[in-house]
PDB file of N, CA and C in Angstrom:
ATOM      1  N   MET A   1      -5.280   7.869   3.292  1.00  0.00           N
ATOM      2  CA  MET A   1      -4.571   8.899   3.987  1.00  0.00           C
ATOM      3  C   MET A   1      -3.219   8.364   4.407  1.00  0.00           C
ATOM      4  N   GLU A   2      -2.275   9.251   4.560  1.00  0.00           N
ATOM      5  CA  GLU A   2      -0.962   8.851   5.032  1.00  0.00           C
ATOM      6  C   GLU A   2      -1.015   8.647   6.538  1.00  0.00           C
ATOM      7  N   SER A   3      -0.568   7.494   7.009  1.00  0.00           N
ATOM      8  CA  SER A   3      -0.624   7.216   8.442  1.00  0.00           C
ATOM      9  C   SER A   3       0.231   8.193   9.242  1.00  0.00           C
ATOM     10  N   ALA A   4       1.279   8.733   8.660  1.00  0.00           N
ATOM     11  CA  ALA A   4       2.133   9.704   9.355  1.00  0.00           C
ATOM     12  C   ALA A   4       1.446  11.052   9.543  1.00  0.00           C
ATOM     13  N   SER A   5       0.294  11.259   8.884  1.00  0.00           N
ATOM     14  CA  SER A   5      -0.398  12.548   8.996  1.00  0.00           C
ATOM     15  C   SER A   5      -1.327  12.630  10.208  1.00  0.00           C
ATOM     16  N   VAL A   6      -1.459  11.548  10.977  1.00  0.00           N
ATOM     17  CA  VAL A   6      -2.317  11.542  12.164  1.00  0.00           C
ATOM     18  C   VAL A   6      -1.804  12.593  13.137  1.00  0.00           C
ATOM     19  N   SER A   7      -2.713  13.435  13.610  1.00  0.00           N
ATOM     20  CA  SER A   7      -2.314  14.528  14.492  1.00  0.00           C
ATOM     21  C   SER A   7      -3.237  14.614  15.697  1.00  0.00           C
ATOM     22  N   THR A   8      -2.628  14.746  16.879  1.00  0.00           N
ATOM     23  CA  THR A   8      -3.390  14.885  18.124  1.00  0.00           C
ATOM     24  C   THR A   8      -3.148  16.241  18.777  1.00  0.00           C
ATOM     25  N   ASP A   9      -2.416  17.122  18.093  1.00  0.00           N
ATOM     26  CA  ASP A   9      -2.011  18.422  18.644  1.00  0.00           C
ATOM     27  C   ASP A   9      -1.069  18.270  19.830  1.00  0.00           C
ATOM     28  N   ASN A  10      -0.355  17.146  19.897  1.00  0.00           N
ATOM     29  CA  ASN A  10       0.627  16.904  20.941  1.00  0.00           C
ATOM     30  C   ASN A  10       1.829  16.244  20.257  1.00  0.00           C
ATOM     31  N   GLU A  11       2.900  17.010  20.077  1.00  0.00           N
ATOM     32  CA  GLU A  11       4.051  16.551  19.300  1.00  0.00           C
ATOM     33  C   GLU A  11       4.664  15.258  19.844  1.00  0.00           C
ATOM     34  N   MET A  12       4.779  15.128  21.163  1.00  0.00           N
ATOM     35  CA  MET A  12       5.360  13.926  21.754  1.00  0.00           C
ATOM     36  C   MET A  12       4.476  12.703  21.482  1.00  0.00           C
ATOM     37  N   ARG A  13       3.162  12.873  21.655  1.00  0.00           N
ATOM     38  CA  ARG A  13       2.224  11.776  21.393  1.00  0.00           C
ATOM     39  C   ARG A  13       2.235  11.409  19.913  1.00  0.00           C
ATOM     40  N   ASP A  14       2.244  12.421  19.053  1.00  0.00           N
ATOM     41  CA  ASP A  14       2.269  12.152  17.613  1.00  0.00           C
ATOM     42  C   ASP A  14       3.510  11.366  17.221  1.00  0.00           C
ATOM     43  N   GLY A  15       4.663  11.680  17.837  1.00  0.00           N
ATOM     44  CA  GLY A  15       5.893  10.934  17.571  1.00  0.00           C
ATOM     45  C   GLY A  15       5.751   9.479  17.967  1.00  0.00           C
ATOM     46  N   HIS A  16       5.111   9.221  19.116  1.00  0.00           N
ATOM     47  CA  HIS A  16       4.910   7.838  19.563  1.00  0.00           C
ATOM     48  C   HIS A  16       3.944   7.100  18.639  1.00  0.00           C
ATOM     49  N   LEU A  17       2.906   7.783  18.159  1.00  0.00           N
ATOM     50  CA  LEU A  17       1.933   7.136  17.279  1.00  0.00           C
ATOM     51  C   LEU A  17       2.568   6.619  15.990  1.00  0.00           C
ATOM     52  N   LYS A  18       3.687   7.189  15.588  1.00  0.00           N
ATOM     53  CA  LYS A  18       4.345   6.782  14.346  1.00  0.00           C
ATOM     54  C   LYS A  18       5.232   5.555  14.519  1.00  0.00           C
ATOM     55  N   LYS A  19       5.485   5.152  15.764  1.00  0.00           N
ATOM     56  CA  LYS A  19       6.401   4.039  16.050  1.00  0.00           C
ATOM     57  C   LYS A  19       5.744   2.680  15.761  1.00  0.00           C
ATOM     58  N   PRO A  20       6.587   1.615  15.677  1.00  0.00           N
ATOM     59  CA  PRO A  20       6.092   0.279  15.328  1.00  0.00           C
ATOM     60  C   PRO A  20       4.986  -0.273  16.223  1.00  0.00           C
ATOM     61  N   ASP A  21       4.964   0.050  17.523  1.00  0.00           N
ATOM     62  CA  ASP A  21       3.922  -0.499  18.384  1.00  0.00           C
ATOM     63  C   ASP A  21       2.571   0.165  18.155  1.00  0.00           C
ATOM     64  N   MET A  22       2.580   1.295  17.478  1.00  0.00           N
ATOM     65  CA  MET A  22       1.323   1.986  17.183  1.00  0.00           C
ATOM     66  C   MET A  22       1.027   1.859  15.677  1.00  0.00           C
ATOM     67  N   PHE A  23       1.132   2.947  14.897  1.00  0.00           N
ATOM     68  CA  PHE A  23       0.779   2.886  13.475  1.00  0.00           C
ATOM     69  C   PHE A  23       1.879   2.316  12.581  1.00  0.00           C
ATOM     70  N   ASP A  24       3.110   2.273  13.055  1.00  0.00           N
ATOM     71  CA  ASP A  24       4.238   1.742  12.282  1.00  0.00           C
ATOM     72  C   ASP A  24       4.247   2.347  10.872  1.00  0.00           C
ATOM     73  N   VAL A  25       4.382   3.676  10.831  1.00  0.00           N
ATOM     74  CA  VAL A  25       4.220   4.415   9.576  1.00  0.00           C
ATOM     75  C   VAL A  25       5.246   4.071   8.504  1.00  0.00           C
ATOM     76  N   GLU A  26       6.418   3.578   8.897  1.00  0.00           N
ATOM     77  CA  GLU A  26       7.406   3.199   7.881  1.00  0.00           C
ATOM     78  C   GLU A  26       6.983   1.931   7.150  1.00  0.00           C
ATOM     79  N   LYS A  27       6.449   0.967   7.883  1.00  0.00           N
ATOM     80  CA  LYS A  27       6.021  -0.289   7.268  1.00  0.00           C
ATOM     81  C   LYS A  27       4.629  -0.185   6.639  1.00  0.00           C
ATOM     82  N   PHE A  28       3.745   0.628   7.250  1.00  0.00           N
ATOM     83  CA  PHE A  28       2.362   0.781   6.775  1.00  0.00           C
ATOM     84  C   PHE A  28       2.073   2.265   6.564  1.00  0.00           C
ATOM     85  N   PRO A  29       2.489   2.821   5.425  1.00  0.00           N
ATOM     86  CA  PRO A  29       2.391   4.268   5.200  1.00  0.00           C
ATOM     87  C   PRO A  29       0.979   4.814   4.948  1.00  0.00           C
ATOM     88  N   THR A  30       0.000   3.925   4.732  1.00  0.00           N
ATOM     89  CA  THR A  30      -1.351   4.427   4.463  1.00  0.00           C
ATOM     90  C   THR A  30      -2.403   3.735   5.327  1.00  0.00           C
ATOM     91  N   ILE A  31      -3.480   4.468   5.556  1.00  0.00           N
ATOM     92  CA  ILE A  31      -4.698   3.957   6.176  1.00  0.00           C
ATOM     93  C   ILE A  31      -5.795   4.222   5.150  1.00  0.00           C
ATOM     94  N   SER A  32      -6.616   3.211   4.842  1.00  0.00           N
ATOM     95  CA  SER A  32      -7.632   3.426   3.806  1.00  0.00           C
ATOM     96  C   SER A  32      -9.000   2.930   4.260  1.00  0.00           C
ATOM     97  N   PHE A  33     -10.015   3.527   3.656  1.00  0.00           N
ATOM     98  CA  PHE A  33     -11.402   3.124   3.891  1.00  0.00           C
ATOM     99  C   PHE A  33     -12.082   3.046   2.541  1.00  0.00           C
ATOM    100  N   LYS A  34     -12.745   1.926   2.276  1.00  0.00           N
ATOM    101  CA  LYS A  34     -13.503   1.760   1.033  1.00  0.00           C
ATOM    102  C   LYS A  34     -14.936   1.424   1.400  1.00  0.00           C
ATOM    103  N   SER A  35     -15.858   2.309   1.040  1.00  0.00           N
ATOM    104  CA  SER A  35     -17.265   2.098   1.395  1.00  0.00           C
ATOM    105  C   SER A  35     -17.849   0.928   0.617  1.00  0.00           C
ATOM    106  N   THR A  36     -18.759   0.210   1.281  1.00  0.00           N
ATOM    107  CA  THR A  36     -19.445  -0.907   0.638  1.00  0.00           C
ATOM    108  C   THR A  36     -20.954  -0.675   0.564  1.00  0.00           C
ATOM    109  N   SER A  37     -21.490   0.178   1.467  1.00  0.00           N
ATOM    110  CA  SER A  37     -22.923   0.478   1.410  1.00  0.00           C
ATOM    111  C   SER A  37     -23.250   1.721   2.228  1.00  0.00           C
ATOM    112  N   ILE A  38     -24.347   2.359   1.839  1.00  0.00           N
ATOM    113  CA  ILE A  38     -24.911   3.491   2.575  1.00  0.00           C
ATOM    114  C   ILE A  38     -26.398   3.209   2.703  1.00  0.00           C
ATOM    115  N   SER A  39     -26.912   3.300   3.933  1.00  0.00           N
ATOM    116  CA  SER A  39     -28.348   3.094   4.122  1.00  0.00           C
ATOM    117  C   SER A  39     -28.940   4.295   4.854  1.00  0.00           C
ATOM    118  N   LYS A  40     -30.140   4.659   4.434  1.00  0.00           N
ATOM    119  CA  LYS A  40     -30.838   5.835   4.971  1.00  0.00           C
ATOM    120  C   LYS A  40     -31.345   5.556   6.368  1.00  0.00           C
ATOM    121  N   GLY A  41     -31.159   6.514   7.239  1.00  0.00           N
ATOM    122  CA  GLY A  41     -31.718   6.459   8.584  1.00  0.00           C
ATOM    123  C   GLY A  41     -32.865   7.452   8.656  1.00  0.00           C
ATOM    124  N   THR A  42     -32.835   8.331   9.651  1.00  0.00           N
ATOM    125  CA  THR A  42     -33.858   9.364   9.782  1.00  0.00           C
ATOM    126  C   THR A  42     -33.295  10.702   9.334  1.00  0.00           C
ATOM    127  N   ASP A  43     -34.175  11.541   8.807  1.00  0.00           N
ATOM    128  CA  ASP A  43     -33.791  12.882   8.338  1.00  0.00           C
ATOM    129  C   ASP A  43     -32.564  12.812   7.434  1.00  0.00           C
ATOM    130  N   ASN A  44     -31.483  13.495   7.819  1.00  0.00           N
ATOM    131  CA  ASN A  44     -30.263  13.535   7.011  1.00  0.00           C
ATOM    132  C   ASN A  44     -29.201  12.567   7.530  1.00  0.00           C
ATOM    133  N   HIS A  45     -29.612  11.571   8.306  1.00  0.00           N
ATOM    134  CA  HIS A  45     -28.678  10.612   8.889  1.00  0.00           C
ATOM    135  C   HIS A  45     -28.657   9.319   8.079  1.00  0.00           C
ATOM    136  N   TYR A  46     -27.451   8.767   7.939  1.00  0.00           N
ATOM    137  CA  TYR A  46     -27.235   7.543   7.181  1.00  0.00           C
ATOM    138  C   TYR A  46     -26.269   6.645   7.945  1.00  0.00           C
ATOM    139  N   THR A  47     -26.224   5.374   7.569  1.00  0.00           N
ATOM    140  CA  THR A  47     -25.205   4.452   8.069  1.00  0.00           C
ATOM    141  C   THR A  47     -24.290   4.123   6.901  1.00  0.00           C
ATOM    142  N   LEU A  48     -23.018   4.354   7.101  1.00  0.00           N
ATOM    143  CA  LEU A  48     -22.003   4.099   6.088  1.00  0.00           C
ATOM    144  C   LEU A  48     -21.188   2.884   6.532  1.00  0.00           C
ATOM    145  N   LYS A  49     -21.182   1.851   5.706  1.00  0.00           N
ATOM    146  CA  LYS A  49     -20.387   0.657   6.009  1.00  0.00           C
ATOM    147  C   LYS A  49     -19.263   0.546   4.998  1.00  0.00           C
ATOM    148  N   GLY A  50     -18.158  -0.020   5.457  1.00  0.00           N
ATOM    149  CA  GLY A  50     -17.038  -0.195   4.551  1.00  0.00           C
ATOM    150  C   GLY A  50     -15.892  -0.922   5.209  1.00  0.00           C
ATOM    151  N   ASN A  51     -14.829  -1.093   4.439  1.00  0.00           N
ATOM    152  CA  ASN A  51     -13.646  -1.805   4.899  1.00  0.00           C
ATOM    153  C   ASN A  51     -12.534  -0.822   5.229  1.00  0.00           C
ATOM    154  N   LEU A  52     -12.112  -0.840   6.492  1.00  0.00           N
ATOM    155  CA  LEU A  52     -11.008  -0.009   6.951  1.00  0.00           C
ATOM    156  C   LEU A  52      -9.757  -0.877   6.991  1.00  0.00           C
ATOM    157  N   THR A  53      -8.689  -0.393   6.361  1.00  0.00           N
ATOM    158  CA  THR A  53      -7.408  -1.095   6.389  1.00  0.00           C
ATOM    159  C   THR A  53      -6.404  -0.218   7.117  1.00  0.00           C
ATOM    160  N   MET A  54      -5.859  -0.779   8.196  1.00  0.00           N
ATOM    161  CA  MET A  54      -4.897  -0.054   9.002  1.00  0.00           C
ATOM    162  C   MET A  54      -3.872  -1.063   9.514  1.00  0.00           C
ATOM    163  N   LYS A  55      -2.623  -0.728   9.337  1.00  0.00           N
ATOM    164  CA  LYS A  55      -1.512  -1.569   9.801  1.00  0.00           C
ATOM    165  C   LYS A  55      -1.613  -2.984   9.223  1.00  0.00           C
ATOM    166  N   GLY A  56      -2.071  -3.064   7.966  1.00  0.00           N
ATOM    167  CA  GLY A  56      -2.150  -4.333   7.263  1.00  0.00           C
ATOM    168  C   GLY A  56      -3.354  -5.191   7.594  1.00  0.00           C
ATOM    169  N   VAL A  57      -4.247  -4.684   8.436  1.00  0.00           N
ATOM    170  CA  VAL A  57      -5.441  -5.426   8.838  1.00  0.00           C
ATOM    171  C   VAL A  57      -6.668  -4.742   8.241  1.00  0.00           C
ATOM    172  N   THR A  58      -7.542  -5.508   7.594  1.00  0.00           N
ATOM    173  CA  THR A  58      -8.772  -4.969   7.022  1.00  0.00           C
ATOM    174  C   THR A  58      -9.961  -5.548   7.768  1.00  0.00           C
ATOM    175  N   LYS A  59     -10.846  -4.647   8.217  1.00  0.00           N
ATOM    176  CA  LYS A  59     -12.065  -5.058   8.919  1.00  0.00           C
ATOM    177  C   LYS A  59     -13.209  -4.173   8.447  1.00  0.00           C
ATOM    178  N   GLU A  60     -14.418  -4.762   8.433  1.00  0.00           N
ATOM    179  CA  GLU A  60     -15.598  -3.974   8.114  1.00  0.00           C
ATOM    180  C   GLU A  60     -15.989  -3.153   9.343  1.00  0.00           C
ATOM    181  N   ILE A  61     -16.272  -1.879   9.114  1.00  0.00           N
ATOM    182  CA  ILE A  61     -16.749  -1.016  10.184  1.00  0.00           C
ATOM    183  C   ILE A  61     -18.020  -0.308   9.730  1.00  0.00           C
ATOM    184  N   SER A  62     -18.780   0.173  10.695  1.00  0.00           N
ATOM    185  CA  SER A  62     -20.020   0.890  10.440  1.00  0.00           C
ATOM    186  C   SER A  62     -19.883   2.279  11.048  1.00  0.00           C
ATOM    187  N   LEU A  63     -20.199   3.307  10.263  1.00  0.00           N
ATOM    188  CA  LEU A  63     -20.046   4.688  10.691  1.00  0.00           C
ATOM    189  C   LEU A  63     -21.364   5.446  10.555  1.00  0.00           C
ATOM    190  N   ASP A  64     -21.530   6.473  11.376  1.00  0.00           N
ATOM    191  CA  ASP A  64     -22.683   7.365  11.272  1.00  0.00           C
ATOM    192  C   ASP A  64     -22.331   8.492  10.326  1.00  0.00           C
ATOM    193  N   MET A  65     -23.238   8.779   9.395  1.00  0.00           N
ATOM    194  CA  MET A  65     -22.999   9.836   8.426  1.00  0.00           C
ATOM    195  C   MET A  65     -24.150  10.830   8.459  1.00  0.00           C
ATOM    196  N   LEU A  66     -23.804  12.106   8.563  1.00  0.00           N
ATOM    197  CA  LEU A  66     -24.784  13.192   8.562  1.00  0.00           C
ATOM    198  C   LEU A  66     -24.538  14.064   7.348  1.00  0.00           C
ATOM    199  N   VAL A  67     -25.568  14.233   6.521  1.00  0.00           N
ATOM    200  CA  VAL A  67     -25.484  15.166   5.400  1.00  0.00           C
ATOM    201  C   VAL A  67     -25.916  16.518   5.947  1.00  0.00           C
ATOM    202  N   MET A  68     -24.958  17.442   6.046  1.00  0.00           N
ATOM    203  CA  MET A  68     -25.213  18.738   6.685  1.00  0.00           C
ATOM    204  C   MET A  68     -25.876  19.749   5.757  1.00  0.00           C
ATOM    205  N   GLY A  69     -25.798  19.532   4.458  1.00  0.00           N
ATOM    206  CA  GLY A  69     -26.444  20.442   3.528  1.00  0.00           C
ATOM    207  C   GLY A  69     -25.801  20.398   2.156  1.00  0.00           C
ATOM    208  N   PHE A  70     -26.405  21.157   1.239  1.00  0.00           N
ATOM    209  CA  PHE A  70     -25.935  21.199  -0.147  1.00  0.00           C
ATOM    210  C   PHE A  70     -25.764  22.643  -0.587  1.00  0.00           C
ATOM    211  N   THR A  71     -24.838  22.850  -1.511  1.00  0.00           N
ATOM    212  CA  THR A  71     -24.650  24.149  -2.136  1.00  0.00           C
ATOM    213  C   THR A  71     -24.037  23.910  -3.508  1.00  0.00           C
ATOM    214  N   ASN A  72     -23.896  24.960  -4.287  1.00  0.00           N
ATOM    215  CA  ASN A  72     -23.221  24.872  -5.573  1.00  0.00           C
ATOM    216  C   ASN A  72     -21.864  25.551  -5.462  1.00  0.00           C
ATOM    217  N   ASN A  73     -20.833  24.917  -6.032  1.00  0.00           N
ATOM    218  CA  ASN A  73     -19.508  25.534  -6.006  1.00  0.00           C
ATOM    219  C   ASN A  73     -19.368  26.529  -7.149  1.00  0.00           C
ATOM    220  N   ARG A  74     -18.191  27.122  -7.310  1.00  0.00           N
ATOM    221  CA  ARG A  74     -17.954  28.146  -8.341  1.00  0.00           C
ATOM    222  C   ARG A  74     -18.132  27.616  -9.753  1.00  0.00           C
ATOM    223  N   GLN A  75     -17.937  26.309  -9.911  1.00  0.00           N
ATOM    224  CA  GLN A  75     -18.095  25.712 -11.237  1.00  0.00           C
ATOM    225  C   GLN A  75     -19.541  25.285 -11.485  1.00  0.00           C
ATOM    226  N   GLY A  76     -20.432  25.554 -10.519  1.00  0.00           N
ATOM    227  CA  GLY A  76     -21.840  25.226 -10.672  1.00  0.00           C
ATOM    228  C   GLY A  76     -22.198  23.794 -10.323  1.00  0.00           C
ATOM    229  N   LYS A  77     -21.237  23.038  -9.784  1.00  0.00           N
ATOM    230  CA  LYS A  77     -21.513  21.653  -9.408  1.00  0.00           C
ATOM    231  C   LYS A  77     -22.087  21.605  -7.999  1.00  0.00           C
ATOM    232  N   LYS A  78     -22.987  20.643  -7.768  1.00  0.00           N
ATOM    233  CA  LYS A  78     -23.619  20.469  -6.465  1.00  0.00           C
ATOM    234  C   LYS A  78     -22.619  19.854  -5.481  1.00  0.00           C
ATOM    235  N   VAL A  79     -22.510  20.461  -4.298  1.00  0.00           N
ATOM    236  CA  VAL A  79     -21.577  20.019  -3.268  1.00  0.00           C
ATOM    237  C   VAL A  79     -22.359  19.685  -2.001  1.00  0.00           C
ATOM    238  N   ALA A  80     -22.048  18.541  -1.396  1.00  0.00           N
ATOM    239  CA  ALA A  80     -22.683  18.129  -0.141  1.00  0.00           C
ATOM    240  C   ALA A  80     -21.669  18.238   0.991  1.00  0.00           C
ATOM    241  N   GLY A  81     -22.094  18.811   2.118  1.00  0.00           N
ATOM    242  CA  GLY A  81     -21.282  18.827   3.328  1.00  0.00           C
ATOM    243  C   GLY A  81     -21.611  17.582   4.138  1.00  0.00           C
ATOM    244  N   ILE A  82     -20.598  16.803   4.487  1.00  0.00           N
ATOM    245  CA  ILE A  82     -20.796  15.506   5.149  1.00  0.00           C
ATOM    246  C   ILE A  82     -19.970  15.449   6.437  1.00  0.00           C
ATOM    247  N   LYS A  83     -20.570  14.899   7.487  1.00  0.00           N
ATOM    248  CA  LYS A  83     -19.861  14.648   8.747  1.00  0.00           C
ATOM    249  C   LYS A  83     -19.989  13.159   9.049  1.00  0.00           C
ATOM    250  N   ILE A  84     -18.854  12.499   9.297  1.00  0.00           N
ATOM    251  CA  ILE A  84     -18.836  11.058   9.563  1.00  0.00           C
ATOM    252  C   ILE A  84     -18.187  10.823  10.922  1.00  0.00           C
ATOM    253  N   THR A  85     -18.823   9.999  11.747  1.00  0.00           N
ATOM    254  CA  THR A  85     -18.276   9.653  13.059  1.00  0.00           C
ATOM    255  C   THR A  85     -18.451   8.163  13.316  1.00  0.00           C
ATOM    256  N   GLY A  86     -17.622   7.630  14.177  1.00  0.00           N
ATOM    257  CA  GLY A  86     -17.733   6.224  14.545  1.00  0.00           C
ATOM    258  C   GLY A  86     -16.670   5.847  15.559  1.00  0.00           C
ATOM    259  N   MET A  87     -16.785   4.647  16.075  1.00  0.00           N
ATOM    260  CA  MET A  87     -15.835   4.130  17.058  1.00  0.00           C
ATOM    261  C   MET A  87     -15.232   2.827  16.530  1.00  0.00           C
ATOM    262  N   LEU A  88     -13.986   2.570  16.914  1.00  0.00           N
ATOM    263  CA  LEU A  88     -13.364   1.291  16.611  1.00  0.00           C
ATOM    264  C   LEU A  88     -12.437   0.907  17.747  1.00  0.00           C
ATOM    265  N   LYS A  89     -12.099  -0.363  17.807  1.00  0.00           N
ATOM    266  CA  LYS A  89     -11.131  -0.849  18.786  1.00  0.00           C
ATOM    267  C   LYS A  89      -9.767  -0.870  18.116  1.00  0.00           C
ATOM    268  N   ARG A  90      -8.835  -0.104  18.657  1.00  0.00           N
ATOM    269  CA  ARG A  90      -7.515   0.012  18.050  1.00  0.00           C
ATOM    270  C   ARG A  90      -6.773  -1.323  18.001  1.00  0.00           C
ATOM    271  N   THR A  91      -6.986  -2.166  19.020  1.00  0.00           N
ATOM    272  CA  THR A  91      -6.273  -3.446  19.055  1.00  0.00           C
ATOM    273  C   THR A  91      -6.786  -4.432  18.006  1.00  0.00           C
ATOM    274  N   ASP A  92      -8.003  -4.211  17.481  1.00  0.00           N
ATOM    275  CA  ASP A  92      -8.493  -5.040  16.376  1.00  0.00           C
ATOM    276  C   ASP A  92      -7.593  -4.901  15.157  1.00  0.00           C
ATOM    277  N   PHE A  93      -6.869  -3.772  15.081  1.00  0.00           N
ATOM    278  CA  PHE A  93      -5.995  -3.485  13.949  1.00  0.00           C
ATOM    279  C   PHE A  93      -4.523  -3.596  14.322  1.00  0.00           C
ATOM    280  N   GLY A  94      -4.234  -4.115  15.518  1.00  0.00           N
ATOM    281  CA  GLY A  94      -2.850  -4.273  15.952  1.00  0.00           C
ATOM    282  C   GLY A  94      -2.186  -2.973  16.344  1.00  0.00           C
ATOM    283  N   VAL A  95      -2.978  -1.965  16.653  1.00  0.00           N
ATOM    284  CA  VAL A  95      -2.428  -0.659  17.034  1.00  0.00           C
ATOM    285  C   VAL A  95      -2.324  -0.601  18.551  1.00  0.00           C
ATOM    286  N   GLY A  96      -1.088  -0.478  19.047  1.00  0.00           N
ATOM    287  CA  GLY A  96      -0.874  -0.374  20.485  1.00  0.00           C
ATOM    288  C   GLY A  96      -1.373  -1.587  21.239  1.00  0.00           C
ATOM    289  N   ALA A  97      -1.152  -2.764  20.690  1.00  0.00           N
ATOM    290  CA  ALA A  97      -1.686  -3.990  21.286  1.00  0.00           C
ATOM    291  C   ALA A  97      -0.805  -4.504  22.420  1.00  0.00           C
ATOM    292  N   MET A  98      -0.292  -3.612  23.205  1.00  0.00           N
ATOM    293  CA  MET A  98       0.548  -4.012  24.338  1.00  0.00           C
ATOM    294  C   MET A  98      -0.326  -4.183  25.578  1.00  0.00           C
ATOM    295  N   PRO A  99      -0.067  -5.184  26.419  1.00  0.00           N
ATOM    296  CA  PRO A  99      -0.930  -5.515  27.560  1.00  0.00           C
ATOM    297  C   PRO A  99      -1.233  -4.367  28.521  1.00  0.00           C
ATOM    298  N   ASN A 100      -0.281  -3.561  28.875  1.00  0.00           N
ATOM    299  CA  ASN A 100      -0.507  -2.513  29.876  1.00  0.00           C
ATOM    300  C   ASN A 100      -0.514  -1.113  29.274  1.00  0.00           C
ATOM    301  N   SER A 101      -0.979  -0.993  28.054  1.00  0.00           N
ATOM    302  CA  SER A 101      -1.022   0.313  27.393  1.00  0.00           C
ATOM    303  C   SER A 101      -2.000   1.239  28.107  1.00  0.00           C
ATOM    304  N   VAL A 102      -1.636   2.519  28.211  1.00  0.00           N
ATOM    305  CA  VAL A 102      -2.516   3.490  28.848  1.00  0.00           C
ATOM    306  C   VAL A 102      -3.492   4.110  27.851  1.00  0.00           C
ATOM    307  N   ALA A 103      -3.322   3.816  26.564  1.00  0.00           N
ATOM    308  CA  ALA A 103      -4.218   4.357  25.547  1.00  0.00           C
ATOM    309  C   ALA A 103      -5.579   3.686  25.635  1.00  0.00           C
ATOM    310  N   SER A 104      -6.619   4.445  25.348  1.00  0.00           N
ATOM    311  CA  SER A 104      -7.975   3.911  25.363  1.00  0.00           C
ATOM    312  C   SER A 104      -8.130   2.809  24.318  1.00  0.00           C
ATOM    313  N   GLU A 105      -8.869   1.776  24.643  1.00  0.00           N
ATOM    314  CA  GLU A 105      -9.138   0.680  23.710  1.00  0.00           C
ATOM    315  C   GLU A 105      -9.983   1.173  22.535  1.00  0.00           C
ATOM    316  N   GLU A 106     -10.929   2.072  22.813  1.00  0.00           N
ATOM    317  CA  GLU A 106     -11.800   2.594  21.757  1.00  0.00           C
ATOM    318  C   GLU A 106     -11.278   3.937  21.253  1.00  0.00           C
ATOM    319  N   VAL A 107     -11.378   4.101  19.943  1.00  0.00           N
ATOM    320  CA  VAL A 107     -10.897   5.312  19.293  1.00  0.00           C
ATOM    321  C   VAL A 107     -12.055   5.932  18.523  1.00  0.00           C
ATOM    322  N   LEU A 108     -12.227   7.230  18.676  1.00  0.00           N
ATOM    323  CA  LEU A 108     -13.258   7.961  17.946  1.00  0.00           C
ATOM    324  C   LEU A 108     -12.717   8.375  16.590  1.00  0.00           C
ATOM    325  N   LEU A 109     -13.451   8.021  15.539  1.00  0.00           N
ATOM    326  CA  LEU A 109     -13.137   8.485  14.185  1.00  0.00           C
ATOM    327  C   LEU A 109     -14.051   9.655  13.876  1.00  0.00           C
ATOM    328  N   ARG A 110     -13.488  10.699  13.293  1.00  0.00           N
ATOM    329  CA  ARG A 110     -14.304  11.854  12.936  1.00  0.00           C
ATOM    330  C   ARG A 110     -13.746  12.453  11.646  1.00  0.00           C
ATOM    331  N   ALA A 111     -14.613  12.660  10.672  1.00  0.00           N
ATOM    332  CA  ALA A 111     -14.216  13.267   9.404  1.00  0.00           C
ATOM    333  C   ALA A 111     -15.310  14.224   8.962  1.00  0.00           C
ATOM    334  N   VAL A 112     -14.879  15.353   8.447  1.00  0.00           N
ATOM    335  CA  VAL A 112     -15.802  16.328   7.875  1.00  0.00           C
ATOM    336  C   VAL A 112     -15.271  16.673   6.498  1.00  0.00           C
ATOM    337  N   GLY A 113     -16.151  16.672   5.507  1.00  0.00           N
ATOM    338  CA  GLY A 113     -15.675  16.972   4.156  1.00  0.00           C
ATOM    339  C   GLY A 113     -16.792  17.428   3.247  1.00  0.00           C
ATOM    340  N   GLU A 114     -16.383  17.811   2.070  1.00  0.00           N
ATOM    341  CA  GLU A 114     -17.316  18.218   1.024  1.00  0.00           C
ATOM    342  C   GLU A 114     -17.151  17.263  -0.142  1.00  0.00           C
ATOM    343  N   PHE A 115     -18.272  16.847  -0.717  1.00  0.00           N
ATOM    344  CA  PHE A 115     -18.245  15.915  -1.813  1.00  0.00           C
ATOM    345  C   PHE A 115     -18.998  16.498  -2.993  1.00  0.00           C
ATOM    346  N   ILE A 116     -18.411  16.383  -4.178  1.00  0.00           N
ATOM    347  CA  ILE A 116     -19.003  16.950  -5.386  1.00  0.00           C
ATOM    348  C   ILE A 116     -19.718  15.849  -6.160  1.00  0.00           C
ATOM    349  N   LYS A 117     -20.937  16.139  -6.588  1.00  0.00           N
ATOM    350  CA  LYS A 117     -21.677  15.196  -7.418  1.00  0.00           C
ATOM    351  C   LYS A 117     -21.181  15.328  -8.846  1.00  0.00           C
ATOM    352  N   ASN A 118     -20.789  14.196  -9.434  1.00  0.00           N
ATOM    353  CA  ASN A 118     -20.327  14.209 -10.841  1.00  0.00           C
ATOM    354  C   ASN A 118     -21.464  14.075 -11.790  1.00  0.00           C
TER     355      ASN A 118
END
């Protein structure tokens, strides 16, 4: 994803998030996640592990994944609705690592999407 696309619904805050002390979007234009494993939990719950790269720092993180259901799209392919949530420490990635920052140390990650089975 493009780091400049981060949105908090607050224009002033979003402008600050793009600056060098936060995401530094000019120097680090992308944030990426590459999954390394998925393990089954209970019911439709899974644990998704992978490497998150943000601001030039890559760390393994663990996320909760919920498969919300399946359907077929117009082309007849099976589609899964997925919800992913997790927490990370922003300073682990050098984001807002200033001593007296008012931003929370922990950040909630949340993604909802549809995935097509090939």
